[in-house]
């Protein structure tokens, strides 16, 4: 199965676009704060990446090689806590049960 083509811009192109938009003297912190908007808190589930790495056990349990875990290629899943943004509007803390996260009060 052929992988679908996804256009990707180079880092230099992205940097030149940021310079054109914010000026050559803008700091990275300034650019980050301008784009952050209401999303002030780093997502604790994905650590700000916006996606979760999927893993699977390649061997059924009971075989001599069981326990080896391999990452799936090209199968990162969007974080369900921050909806793929990497940051949240409210500070999230663990719920201490198996059903996720809750807003910090």
C-alpha atoms as a PDB file:
ATOM      1  CA  UNK A   1       0.000   0.000   0.000  1.00  0.00           C
ATOM      2  CA  UNK A   2       1.488   3.331  -1.044  1.00  0.00           C
ATOM      3  CA  UNK A   3       1.759   6.046   1.556  1.00  0.00           C
ATOM      4  CA  UNK A   4      -0.369   9.094   0.792  1.00  0.00           C
ATOM      5  CA  UNK A   5       1.672  12.178  -0.137  1.00  0.00           C
ATOM      6  CA  UNK A   6       1.507  14.946   2.428  1.00  0.00           C
ATOM      7  CA  UNK A   7       3.150  18.260   1.533  1.00  0.00           C
ATOM      8  CA  UNK A   8       5.498  19.350   4.283  1.00  0.00           C
ATOM      9  CA  UNK A   9       7.208  22.698   4.504  1.00  0.00           C
ATOM     10  CA  UNK A  10      10.830  22.941   5.465  1.00  0.00           C
ATOM     11  CA  UNK A  11      11.818  24.463   8.773  1.00  0.00           C
ATOM     12  CA  UNK A  12      13.532  27.322   6.954  1.00  0.00           C
ATOM     13  CA  UNK A  13      10.342  28.122   5.054  1.00  0.00           C
ATOM     14  CA  UNK A  14       8.311  28.149   8.285  1.00  0.00           C
ATOM     15  CA  UNK A  15      10.886  30.402   9.951  1.00  0.00           C
ATOM     16  CA  UNK A  16      10.854  32.833   7.033  1.00  0.00           C
ATOM     17  CA  UNK A  17       7.044  32.980   7.241  1.00  0.00           C
ATOM     18  CA  UNK A  18       7.251  33.757  10.972  1.00  0.00           C
ATOM     19  CA  UNK A  19       9.801  36.509  10.316  1.00  0.00           C
ATOM     20  CA  UNK A  20       7.533  38.006   7.653  1.00  0.00           C
ATOM     21  CA  UNK A  21       4.539  37.876  10.008  1.00  0.00           C
ATOM     22  CA  UNK A  22       6.119  39.045  13.290  1.00  0.00           C
ATOM     23  CA  UNK A  23       9.275  40.863  12.209  1.00  0.00           C
ATOM     24  CA  UNK A  24      12.944  39.965  12.505  1.00  0.00           C
ATOM     25  CA  UNK A  25      13.239  41.196  16.099  1.00  0.00           C
ATOM     26  CA  UNK A  26      10.414  39.085  17.545  1.00  0.00           C
ATOM     27  CA  UNK A  27      11.453  36.516  20.129  1.00  0.00           C
ATOM     28  CA  UNK A  28      10.267  32.921  20.077  1.00  0.00           C
ATOM     29  CA  UNK A  29       8.521  33.562  23.396  1.00  0.00           C
ATOM     30  CA  UNK A  30       6.558  36.465  21.871  1.00  0.00           C
ATOM     31  CA  UNK A  31       5.519  34.382  18.846  1.00  0.00           C
ATOM     32  CA  UNK A  32       4.485  31.500  21.116  1.00  0.00           C
ATOM     33  CA  UNK A  33       2.382  33.735  23.380  1.00  0.00           C
ATOM     34  CA  UNK A  34       0.659  35.367  20.384  1.00  0.00           C
ATOM     35  CA  UNK A  35      -0.318  31.961  18.967  1.00  0.00           C
ATOM     36  CA  UNK A  36      -1.188  30.328  22.278  1.00  0.00           C
ATOM     37  CA  UNK A  37      -4.457  32.189  22.737  1.00  0.00           C
ATOM     38  CA  UNK A  38      -6.650  30.799  25.552  1.00  0.00           C
ATOM     39  CA  UNK A  39      -4.694  27.512  25.692  1.00  0.00           C
ATOM     40  CA  UNK A  40      -2.404  28.320  28.630  1.00  0.00           C
ATOM     41  CA  UNK A  41      -1.771  24.901  30.183  1.00  0.00           C
ATOM     42  CA  UNK A  42       0.403  22.131  28.733  1.00  0.00           C
ATOM     43  CA  UNK A  43      -1.607  18.939  28.278  1.00  0.00           C
ATOM     44  CA  UNK A  44      -0.436  16.367  30.853  1.00  0.00           C
ATOM     45  CA  UNK A  45      -1.576  13.448  28.708  1.00  0.00           C
ATOM     46  CA  UNK A  46       0.585  14.139  25.624  1.00  0.00           C
ATOM     47  CA  UNK A  47       3.061  16.546  27.284  1.00  0.00           C
ATOM     48  CA  UNK A  48       2.259  19.298  24.783  1.00  0.00           C
ATOM     49  CA  UNK A  49       2.850  17.253  21.609  1.00  0.00           C
ATOM     50  CA  UNK A  50      -0.803  16.935  20.616  1.00  0.00           C
ATOM     51  CA  UNK A  51      -0.487  13.229  19.841  1.00  0.00           C
ATOM     52  CA  UNK A  52       0.061   9.959  21.657  1.00  0.00           C
ATOM     53  CA  UNK A  53       2.491   7.334  20.367  1.00  0.00           C
ATOM     54  CA  UNK A  54       0.698   4.054  19.725  1.00  0.00           C
ATOM     55  CA  UNK A  55       2.438   0.876  20.800  1.00  0.00           C
ATOM     56  CA  UNK A  56       1.546  -2.750  20.488  1.00  0.00           C
ATOM     57  CA  UNK A  57       2.963  -6.039  21.680  1.00  0.00           C
ATOM     58  CA  UNK A  58       4.233  -7.908  18.633  1.00  0.00           C
ATOM     59  CA  UNK A  59       4.106 -11.299  20.291  1.00  0.00           C
ATOM     60  CA  UNK A  60       1.253 -13.089  22.047  1.00  0.00           C
ATOM     61  CA  UNK A  61       1.835 -13.646  25.736  1.00  0.00           C
ATOM     62  CA  UNK A  62       3.477 -16.901  26.705  1.00  0.00           C
ATOM     63  CA  UNK A  63       5.989 -17.016  23.841  1.00  0.00           C
ATOM     64  CA  UNK A  64       9.702 -16.667  24.617  1.00  0.00           C
ATOM     65  CA  UNK A  65       9.898 -13.220  22.978  1.00  0.00           C
ATOM     66  CA  UNK A  66       6.749 -11.826  24.604  1.00  0.00           C
ATOM     67  CA  UNK A  67       7.162  -8.508  26.332  1.00  0.00           C
ATOM     68  CA  UNK A  68       8.849  -6.764  23.426  1.00  0.00           C
ATOM     69  CA  UNK A  69       6.922  -3.636  22.537  1.00  0.00           C
ATOM     70  CA  UNK A  70       7.250  -2.006  19.129  1.00  0.00           C
ATOM     71  CA  UNK A  71       6.016   1.390  18.017  1.00  0.00           C
ATOM     72  CA  UNK A  72       3.641   1.444  15.080  1.00  0.00           C
ATOM     73  CA  UNK A  73       5.027   3.370  12.139  1.00  0.00           C
ATOM     74  CA  UNK A  74       2.950   6.415  11.125  1.00  0.00           C
ATOM     75  CA  UNK A  75       0.186   5.606  13.612  1.00  0.00           C
ATOM     76  CA  UNK A  76       0.369   8.378  16.179  1.00  0.00           C
ATOM     77  CA  UNK A  77      -3.096   9.156  17.515  1.00  0.00           C
ATOM     78  CA  UNK A  78      -4.470  12.596  18.295  1.00  0.00           C
ATOM     79  CA  UNK A  79      -4.603  13.260  22.029  1.00  0.00           C
ATOM     80  CA  UNK A  80      -8.188  13.035  23.278  1.00  0.00           C
ATOM     81  CA  UNK A  81      -7.595  15.371  26.253  1.00  0.00           C
ATOM     82  CA  UNK A  82      -6.391  18.426  24.292  1.00  0.00           C
ATOM     83  CA  UNK A  83      -7.917  17.430  20.932  1.00  0.00           C
ATOM     84  CA  UNK A  84      -4.515  17.532  19.237  1.00  0.00           C
ATOM     85  CA  UNK A  85      -3.613  21.104  20.239  1.00  0.00           C
ATOM     86  CA  UNK A  86      -1.066  20.191  22.935  1.00  0.00           C
ATOM     87  CA  UNK A  87      -2.397  22.766  25.395  1.00  0.00           C
ATOM     88  CA  UNK A  88      -5.675  23.154  27.283  1.00  0.00           C
ATOM     89  CA  UNK A  89      -7.753  26.103  28.469  1.00  0.00           C
ATOM     90  CA  UNK A  90      -8.018  24.724  32.008  1.00  0.00           C
ATOM     91  CA  UNK A  91      -5.317  23.021  34.034  1.00  0.00           C
ATOM     92  CA  UNK A  92      -5.890  19.265  33.915  1.00  0.00           C
ATOM     93  CA  UNK A  93      -4.960  16.843  36.705  1.00  0.00           C
ATOM     94  CA  UNK A  94      -5.215  13.044  36.941  1.00  0.00           C
ATOM     95  CA  UNK A  95      -8.567  11.746  38.145  1.00  0.00           C
ATOM     96  CA  UNK A  96      -6.838   8.890  40.041  1.00  0.00           C
ATOM     97  CA  UNK A  97      -9.160   6.363  38.444  1.00  0.00           C
ATOM     98  CA  UNK A  98      -8.925   4.741  35.072  1.00  0.00           C
ATOM     99  CA  UNK A  99     -11.290   7.158  33.367  1.00  0.00           C
ATOM    100  CA  UNK A 100      -9.044  10.069  32.469  1.00  0.00           C
ATOM    101  CA  UNK A 101      -8.447  13.628  33.505  1.00  0.00           C
ATOM    102  CA  UNK A 102     -10.387  16.348  35.256  1.00  0.00           C
ATOM    103  CA  UNK A 103     -10.155  20.130  35.425  1.00  0.00           C
ATOM    104  CA  UNK A 104      -8.160  21.432  38.367  1.00  0.00           C
ATOM    105  CA  UNK A 105     -10.445  23.326  40.784  1.00  0.00           C
END
